[in-house]
Amino acid sequence: MSGPTDPAQIQAEIEATRAELGRTVDELSARLDVPARAKETAARAKDTAVETYRESPPAVIGAAVALAGLVLGVIILRRKRTMSRGDRRRKR
């Protein structure tokens, strides 16, 4: 081992290693805290949506109406398929 022999230098290296280890543990804890990360992501998405709306309200309203129309279309299509399957079963 060819490390430092001065006790003050050894102590300084130990303190630096402890500080680095503490930062690493804090970062790992933050990465593993899934609920906090999900809340942070949701808050960012909300902020982005609000900012986008403030910049261009008609575009956001148009996108919301288009999305609602798409969802409604899928619901209607599924109901028609379900009804037509029921009719086929009754004919047998």
Protein backbone atom coordinates (compact mmCIF):
# COMPACT_ATOMS: atom_id res chain seq x y z
CA MET A 1 0.00 0.00 0.00
CA SER A 2 1.50 3.31 -1.02
CA GLY A 3 -1.08 5.71 0.42
CA PRO A 4 -0.52 8.83 2.45
CA THR A 5 1.14 8.40 5.82
CA ASP A 6 0.22 11.77 7.33
CA PRO A 7 -2.73 11.30 9.73
CA ALA A 8 -4.31 14.63 8.68
CA GLN A 9 -4.18 13.59 5.03
CA ILE A 10 -5.67 10.18 5.82
CA GLN A 11 -8.45 11.87 7.83
CA ALA A 12 -9.17 14.24 4.92
CA GLU A 13 -9.47 11.29 2.51
CA ILE A 14 -11.78 9.50 4.92
CA GLU A 15 -14.02 12.58 5.17
CA ALA A 16 -14.06 12.98 1.37
CA THR A 17 -15.00 9.31 0.96
CA ARG A 18 -17.79 9.65 3.54
CA ALA A 19 -19.18 12.71 1.78
CA GLU A 20 -19.13 10.93 -1.58
CA LEU A 21 -20.78 7.86 -0.08
CA GLY A 22 -23.46 10.08 1.50
CA ARG A 23 -24.22 11.71 -1.88
CA THR A 24 -24.40 8.29 -3.53
CA VAL A 25 -26.82 6.97 -0.89
CA ASP A 26 -29.00 10.09 -1.21
CA GLU A 27 -29.12 9.73 -5.00
CA LEU A 28 -30.02 6.04 -4.79
CA SER A 29 -32.74 6.80 -2.23
CA ALA A 30 -34.22 9.44 -4.52
CA ARG A 31 -34.18 7.05 -7.48
CA LEU A 32 -35.89 4.30 -5.49
CA ASP A 33 -38.65 6.57 -4.09
CA VAL A 34 -41.21 5.71 -6.77
CA PRO A 35 -44.20 7.60 -5.29
CA ALA A 36 -42.18 10.81 -5.03
CA ARG A 37 -40.90 10.40 -8.59
CA ALA A 38 -44.45 9.78 -9.86
CA LYS A 39 -45.71 12.93 -8.11
CA GLU A 40 -42.82 14.91 -9.58
CA THR A 41 -43.55 13.60 -13.07
CA ALA A 42 -47.26 14.41 -12.71
CA ALA A 43 -46.45 17.91 -11.51
CA ARG A 44 -44.15 18.46 -14.49
CA ALA A 45 -46.82 17.20 -16.90
CA LYS A 46 -49.40 19.51 -15.32
CA ASP A 47 -47.04 22.47 -15.53
CA THR A 48 -46.33 21.68 -19.18
CA ALA A 49 -50.04 21.43 -19.98
CA VAL A 50 -50.80 24.72 -18.23
CA GLU A 51 -47.93 26.46 -19.97
CA THR A 52 -48.99 25.07 -23.35
CA TYR A 53 -52.57 26.22 -22.74
CA ARG A 54 -51.39 29.72 -21.81
CA GLU A 55 -49.32 29.93 -25.00
CA SER A 56 -51.97 28.59 -27.37
CA PRO A 57 -55.48 27.99 -25.91
CA PRO A 58 -57.21 27.15 -29.23
CA ALA A 59 -54.69 24.41 -30.02
CA VAL A 60 -55.11 22.81 -26.60
CA ILE A 61 -58.90 23.02 -26.80
CA GLY A 62 -58.81 21.51 -30.29
CA ALA A 63 -56.59 18.66 -29.14
CA ALA A 64 -58.89 17.99 -26.17
CA VAL A 65 -61.96 17.91 -28.43
CA ALA A 66 -60.17 15.59 -30.87
CA LEU A 67 -59.17 13.26 -28.03
CA ALA A 68 -62.71 13.23 -26.67
CA GLY A 69 -64.02 12.42 -30.17
CA LEU A 70 -61.53 9.58 -30.50
CA VAL A 71 -62.53 8.11 -27.14
CA LEU A 72 -66.22 8.43 -28.00
CA GLY A 73 -65.61 6.77 -31.38
CA VAL A 74 -63.83 3.82 -29.75
CA ILE A 75 -66.68 3.40 -27.25
CA ILE A 76 -69.30 3.44 -30.02
CA LEU A 77 -67.29 1.00 -32.14
CA ARG A 78 -66.94 -1.43 -29.24
CA ARG A 79 -70.65 -1.26 -28.47
CA LYS A 80 -71.53 -1.97 -32.10
CA ARG A 81 -69.19 -4.96 -32.16
CA THR A 82 -70.64 -6.27 -28.91
CA MET A 83 -74.19 -5.87 -30.21
CA SER A 84 -73.41 -7.56 -33.53
CA ARG A 85 -71.80 -10.50 -31.73
CA GLY A 86 -74.90 -10.81 -29.59
CA ASP A 87 -77.09 -10.87 -32.72
CA ARG A 88 -74.96 -13.64 -34.24
CA ARG A 89 -75.25 -15.72 -31.09
CA ARG A 90 -79.04 -15.35 -31.02
CA LYS A 91 -79.37 -16.48 -34.66
CA ARG A 92 -77.67 -19.80 -33.95
